Amino acid sequence: MAAGVPKYITVRENLRQRIISMDPGEKLPAEPELCKQYNVSRITLRHAIDDLIQDDLIVREQGKGTFRTGADANTEREVISDHIRGFFRQQEDLGNV
């Protein structure tokens, strides 16, 4: 890890390079395995992964894993919103209230 650079940034950039070389739809190793490979905590790893999800390089499927995205991916993946609002707020935003 580079001195003065947060660990998650170093992990994120290394993962970015790995992901770019992967095929669309290909599964990343499980989080515990990646934590061992990078010698970081799960929180640090998740911070890096969350950034890559925001960049649309990967998508996380609960109970299945984390996968490389891409136009060539064979399967549709459900993306869970980072912003959750209540029913009233949704309806208000849609002009139904």
N, C-alpha and C. Protein backbone atom coordinates (compact mmCIF):
# COMPACT_ATOMS: atom_id res chain seq x y z
N MET A 1 0.83 -1.17 0.00
CA MET A 1 0.00 0.00 0.00
C MET A 1 0.89 1.25 0.00
N ALA A 2 0.49 2.23 -0.77
CA ALA A 2 1.25 3.47 -0.88
C ALA A 2 1.08 4.31 0.39
N ALA A 3 2.16 4.93 0.82
CA ALA A 3 2.12 5.76 2.02
C ALA A 3 1.28 7.00 1.77
N GLY A 4 0.41 7.34 2.72
CA GLY A 4 -0.40 8.53 2.62
C GLY A 4 -1.68 8.36 1.81
N VAL A 5 -1.85 7.22 1.16
CA VAL A 5 -3.06 6.98 0.36
C VAL A 5 -3.95 6.03 1.16
N PRO A 6 -5.23 6.38 1.33
CA PRO A 6 -6.13 5.47 2.05
C PRO A 6 -6.13 4.07 1.42
N LYS A 7 -6.19 3.06 2.27
CA LYS A 7 -6.14 1.68 1.79
C LYS A 7 -7.23 1.38 0.77
N TYR A 8 -8.44 1.90 1.02
CA TYR A 8 -9.53 1.55 0.11
C TYR A 8 -9.27 2.06 -1.31
N ILE A 9 -8.56 3.19 -1.45
CA ILE A 9 -8.25 3.72 -2.78
C ILE A 9 -7.25 2.80 -3.49
N THR A 10 -6.26 2.34 -2.76
CA THR A 10 -5.29 1.42 -3.34
C THR A 10 -5.97 0.13 -3.78
N VAL A 11 -6.84 -0.40 -2.91
CA VAL A 11 -7.58 -1.63 -3.24
C VAL A 11 -8.49 -1.37 -4.43
N ARG A 12 -9.21 -0.25 -4.41
CA ARG A 12 -10.14 0.08 -5.49
C ARG A 12 -9.43 0.13 -6.84
N GLU A 13 -8.29 0.79 -6.90
CA GLU A 13 -7.59 0.93 -8.17
C GLU A 13 -7.02 -0.40 -8.65
N ASN A 14 -6.55 -1.22 -7.71
CA ASN A 14 -6.07 -2.55 -8.10
C ASN A 14 -7.23 -3.40 -8.60
N LEU A 15 -8.35 -3.36 -7.89
CA LEU A 15 -9.53 -4.11 -8.34
C LEU A 15 -10.03 -3.61 -9.69
N ARG A 16 -9.98 -2.31 -9.91
CA ARG A 16 -10.41 -1.73 -11.18
C ARG A 16 -9.63 -2.36 -12.34
N GLN A 17 -8.32 -2.47 -12.16
CA GLN A 17 -7.49 -3.08 -13.20
C GLN A 17 -7.85 -4.56 -13.42
N ARG A 18 -8.10 -5.26 -12.34
CA ARG A 18 -8.50 -6.67 -12.45
C ARG A 18 -9.84 -6.80 -13.17
N ILE A 19 -10.78 -5.95 -12.80
CA ILE A 19 -12.14 -6.02 -13.34
C ILE A 19 -12.13 -5.72 -14.84
N ILE A 20 -11.36 -4.72 -15.24
CA ILE A 20 -11.30 -4.35 -16.65
C ILE A 20 -10.85 -5.53 -17.51
N SER A 21 -10.00 -6.38 -16.96
CA SER A 21 -9.50 -7.52 -17.73
C SER A 21 -10.45 -8.73 -17.68
N MET A 22 -11.52 -8.64 -16.89
CA MET A 22 -12.47 -9.74 -16.76
C MET A 22 -13.51 -9.67 -17.87
N ASP A 23 -14.16 -10.80 -18.13
CA ASP A 23 -15.26 -10.85 -19.08
C ASP A 23 -16.53 -10.34 -18.42
N PRO A 24 -17.41 -9.68 -19.19
CA PRO A 24 -18.70 -9.26 -18.63
C PRO A 24 -19.45 -10.46 -18.04
N GLY A 25 -20.02 -10.27 -16.86
CA GLY A 25 -20.75 -11.33 -16.19
C GLY A 25 -19.88 -12.23 -15.33
N GLU A 26 -18.57 -12.09 -15.43
CA GLU A 26 -17.65 -12.92 -14.64
C GLU A 26 -17.73 -12.53 -13.17
N LYS A 27 -17.67 -13.52 -12.30
CA LYS A 27 -17.82 -13.32 -10.87
C LYS A 27 -16.47 -13.02 -10.22
N LEU A 28 -16.46 -12.03 -9.33
CA LEU A 28 -15.27 -11.73 -8.54
C LEU A 28 -15.15 -12.74 -7.41
N PRO A 29 -13.95 -12.91 -6.86
CA PRO A 29 -13.83 -13.77 -5.69
C PRO A 29 -14.70 -13.24 -4.55
N ALA A 30 -15.04 -14.10 -3.61
CA ALA A 30 -15.86 -13.72 -2.46
C ALA A 30 -15.11 -12.69 -1.61
N GLU A 31 -15.87 -11.88 -0.89
CA GLU A 31 -15.28 -10.82 -0.07
C GLU A 31 -14.22 -11.33 0.91
N PRO A 32 -14.46 -12.45 1.63
CA PRO A 32 -13.41 -12.91 2.55
C PRO A 32 -12.10 -13.24 1.82
N GLU A 33 -12.20 -13.77 0.61
CA GLU A 33 -11.00 -14.07 -0.18
C GLU A 33 -10.29 -12.79 -0.59
N LEU A 34 -11.05 -11.80 -1.03
CA LEU A 34 -10.44 -10.52 -1.42
C LEU A 34 -9.80 -9.83 -0.22
N CYS A 35 -10.44 -9.93 0.95
CA CYS A 35 -9.85 -9.35 2.17
C CYS A 35 -8.49 -9.98 2.45
N LYS A 36 -8.39 -11.29 2.28
CA LYS A 36 -7.10 -11.97 2.47
C LYS A 36 -6.08 -11.53 1.44
N GLN A 37 -6.50 -11.45 0.18
CA GLN A 37 -5.57 -11.08 -0.90
C GLN A 37 -5.00 -9.68 -0.68
N TYR A 38 -5.83 -8.76 -0.23
CA TYR A 38 -5.38 -7.37 -0.05
C TYR A 38 -4.97 -7.05 1.38
N ASN A 39 -5.17 -8.01 2.28
CA ASN A 39 -4.83 -7.82 3.69
C ASN A 39 -5.50 -6.58 4.27
N VAL A 40 -6.83 -6.50 4.05
CA VAL A 40 -7.62 -5.37 4.55
C VAL A 40 -8.87 -5.90 5.24
N SER A 41 -9.51 -5.02 6.01
CA SER A 41 -10.75 -5.38 6.68
C SER A 41 -11.89 -5.42 5.67
N ARG A 42 -12.99 -6.03 6.07
CA ARG A 42 -14.16 -6.11 5.20
C ARG A 42 -14.74 -4.71 4.93
N ILE A 43 -14.68 -3.84 5.91
CA ILE A 43 -15.17 -2.47 5.74
C ILE A 43 -14.36 -1.75 4.66
N THR A 44 -13.05 -1.89 4.69
CA THR A 44 -12.18 -1.26 3.69
C THR A 44 -12.49 -1.82 2.31
N LEU A 45 -12.63 -3.13 2.20
CA LEU A 45 -12.94 -3.76 0.92
C LEU A 45 -14.28 -3.28 0.39
N ARG A 46 -15.28 -3.23 1.25
CA ARG A 46 -16.61 -2.81 0.80
C ARG A 46 -16.62 -1.36 0.34
N HIS A 47 -15.82 -0.51 0.97
CA HIS A 47 -15.72 0.88 0.52
C HIS A 47 -15.20 0.92 -0.91
N ALA A 48 -14.16 0.13 -1.18
CA ALA A 48 -13.60 0.07 -2.54
C ALA A 48 -14.62 -0.48 -3.52
N ILE A 49 -15.30 -1.56 -3.15
CA ILE A 49 -16.29 -2.18 -4.02
C ILE A 49 -17.46 -1.24 -4.28
N ASP A 50 -17.91 -0.53 -3.25
CA ASP A 50 -19.02 0.42 -3.43
C ASP A 50 -18.67 1.49 -4.46
N ASP A 51 -17.43 1.96 -4.44
CA ASP A 51 -17.01 2.94 -5.44
C ASP A 51 -17.08 2.36 -6.85
N LEU A 52 -16.67 1.10 -6.99
CA LEU A 52 -16.68 0.46 -8.31
C LEU A 52 -18.10 0.18 -8.79
N ILE A 53 -19.01 -0.06 -7.85
CA ILE A 53 -20.42 -0.22 -8.19
C ILE A 53 -20.95 1.11 -8.72
N GLN A 54 -20.60 2.20 -8.04
CA GLN A 54 -21.02 3.54 -8.47
C GLN A 54 -20.49 3.86 -9.87
N ASP A 55 -19.33 3.32 -10.21
CA ASP A 55 -18.73 3.53 -11.53
C ASP A 55 -19.29 2.57 -12.58
N ASP A 56 -20.26 1.74 -12.18
CA ASP A 56 -20.90 0.77 -13.08
C ASP A 56 -19.93 -0.27 -13.65
N LEU A 57 -18.87 -0.58 -12.91
CA LEU A 57 -17.95 -1.63 -13.35
C LEU A 57 -18.39 -2.99 -12.84
N ILE A 58 -19.04 -3.00 -11.68
CA ILE A 58 -19.49 -4.25 -11.08
C ILE A 58 -20.88 -4.07 -10.50
N VAL A 59 -21.53 -5.19 -10.25
CA VAL A 59 -22.84 -5.18 -9.62
C VAL A 59 -22.84 -6.29 -8.56
N ARG A 60 -23.47 -6.02 -7.43
CA ARG A 60 -23.53 -6.97 -6.34
C ARG A 60 -24.92 -7.59 -6.29
N GLU A 61 -24.97 -8.92 -6.20
CA GLU A 61 -26.23 -9.63 -6.06
C GLU A 61 -26.22 -10.33 -4.71
N GLN A 62 -27.13 -9.94 -3.85
CA GLN A 62 -27.17 -10.52 -2.52
C GLN A 62 -27.32 -12.03 -2.60
N GLY A 63 -26.45 -12.74 -1.90
CA GLY A 63 -26.50 -14.19 -1.85
C GLY A 63 -25.86 -14.88 -3.03
N LYS A 64 -25.45 -14.11 -4.05
CA LYS A 64 -24.84 -14.72 -5.25
C LYS A 64 -23.41 -14.28 -5.47
N GLY A 65 -23.13 -13.01 -5.22
CA GLY A 65 -21.78 -12.53 -5.42
C GLY A 65 -21.73 -11.18 -6.11
N THR A 66 -20.52 -10.83 -6.54
CA THR A 66 -20.27 -9.58 -7.23
C THR A 66 -19.76 -9.90 -8.62
N PHE A 67 -20.33 -9.24 -9.64
CA PHE A 67 -20.06 -9.59 -11.02
C PHE A 67 -19.63 -8.38 -11.84
N ARG A 68 -18.80 -8.63 -12.84
CA ARG A 68 -18.39 -7.60 -13.80
C ARG A 68 -19.60 -7.25 -14.64
N THR A 69 -19.85 -5.97 -14.82
CA THR A 69 -20.94 -5.53 -15.69
C THR A 69 -20.43 -5.41 -17.10
N GLY A 70 -21.33 -5.10 -17.99
CA GLY A 70 -20.95 -4.89 -19.38
C GLY A 70 -22.11 -5.17 -20.30
N ALA A 71 -22.06 -4.58 -21.47
CA ALA A 71 -23.13 -4.76 -22.45
C ALA A 71 -23.25 -6.20 -22.89
N ASP A 72 -22.17 -6.96 -22.77
CA ASP A 72 -22.18 -8.34 -23.23
C ASP A 72 -22.64 -9.33 -22.18
N ALA A 73 -22.97 -8.84 -20.97
CA ALA A 73 -23.40 -9.76 -19.91
C ALA A 73 -24.64 -10.52 -20.35
N ASN A 74 -24.64 -11.82 -20.12
CA ASN A 74 -25.73 -12.68 -20.58
C ASN A 74 -26.97 -12.59 -19.72
N THR A 75 -26.80 -12.20 -18.47
CA THR A 75 -27.94 -12.20 -17.57
C THR A 75 -28.25 -10.80 -17.10
N GLU A 76 -29.52 -10.56 -16.86
CA GLU A 76 -29.91 -9.28 -16.30
C GLU A 76 -29.67 -9.33 -14.80
N ARG A 77 -29.18 -8.24 -14.26
CA ARG A 77 -28.88 -8.18 -12.84
C ARG A 77 -29.73 -7.09 -12.21
N GLU A 78 -30.27 -7.39 -11.06
CA GLU A 78 -31.06 -6.41 -10.32
C GLU A 78 -30.12 -5.49 -9.57
N VAL A 79 -30.33 -4.20 -9.69
CA VAL A 79 -29.53 -3.21 -8.98
C VAL A 79 -30.41 -2.59 -7.91
N ILE A 80 -29.95 -2.65 -6.69
CA ILE A 80 -30.70 -2.08 -5.57
C ILE A 80 -30.27 -0.64 -5.40
N SER A 81 -31.23 0.25 -5.31
CA SER A 81 -30.96 1.68 -5.20
C SER A 81 -30.22 2.01 -3.91
N ASP A 82 -29.31 2.97 -4.01
CA ASP A 82 -28.62 3.46 -2.83
C ASP A 82 -29.49 4.44 -2.05
N HIS A 83 -30.60 4.89 -2.67
CA HIS A 83 -31.46 5.89 -2.06
C HIS A 83 -32.84 5.27 -1.86
N ILE A 84 -33.21 5.05 -0.62
CA ILE A 84 -34.49 4.45 -0.30
C ILE A 84 -35.38 5.52 0.30
N ARG A 85 -36.58 5.64 -0.27
CA ARG A 85 -37.54 6.61 0.23
C ARG A 85 -38.82 5.89 0.62
N GLY A 86 -39.58 6.50 1.50
CA GLY A 86 -40.86 5.94 1.91
C GLY A 86 -41.90 6.10 0.80
N PHE A 87 -42.99 5.38 0.96
CA PHE A 87 -44.07 5.41 -0.04
C PHE A 87 -44.61 6.82 -0.22
N PHE A 88 -44.86 7.53 0.87
CA PHE A 88 -45.40 8.89 0.77
C PHE A 88 -44.46 9.79 -0.03
N ARG A 89 -43.16 9.73 0.28
CA ARG A 89 -42.18 10.57 -0.42
C ARG A 89 -42.13 10.21 -1.91
N GLN A 90 -42.18 8.93 -2.25
CA GLN A 90 -42.21 8.52 -3.65
C GLN A 90 -43.42 9.10 -4.37
N GLN A 91 -44.59 9.00 -3.74
CA GLN A 91 -45.81 9.50 -4.35
C GLN A 91 -45.78 11.01 -4.47
N GLU A 92 -45.22 11.67 -3.46
CA GLU A 92 -45.09 13.13 -3.50
C GLU A 92 -44.18 13.54 -4.65
N ASP A 93 -43.06 12.83 -4.82
CA ASP A 93 -42.13 13.13 -5.91
C ASP A 93 -42.77 12.92 -7.28
N LEU A 94 -43.70 11.98 -7.36
CA LEU A 94 -44.39 11.70 -8.62
C LEU A 94 -45.58 12.63 -8.84
N GLY A 95 -45.88 13.49 -7.86
CA GLY A 95 -46.97 14.43 -7.98
C GLY A 95 -48.32 13.82 -7.68
N ASN A 96 -48.36 12.72 -6.99
CA ASN A 96 -49.61 12.04 -6.67
C ASN A 96 -50.20 12.44 -5.33
N VAL A 97 -49.57 13.36 -4.61
CA VAL A 97 -50.05 13.76 -3.29
C VAL A 97 -50.43 15.23 -3.31
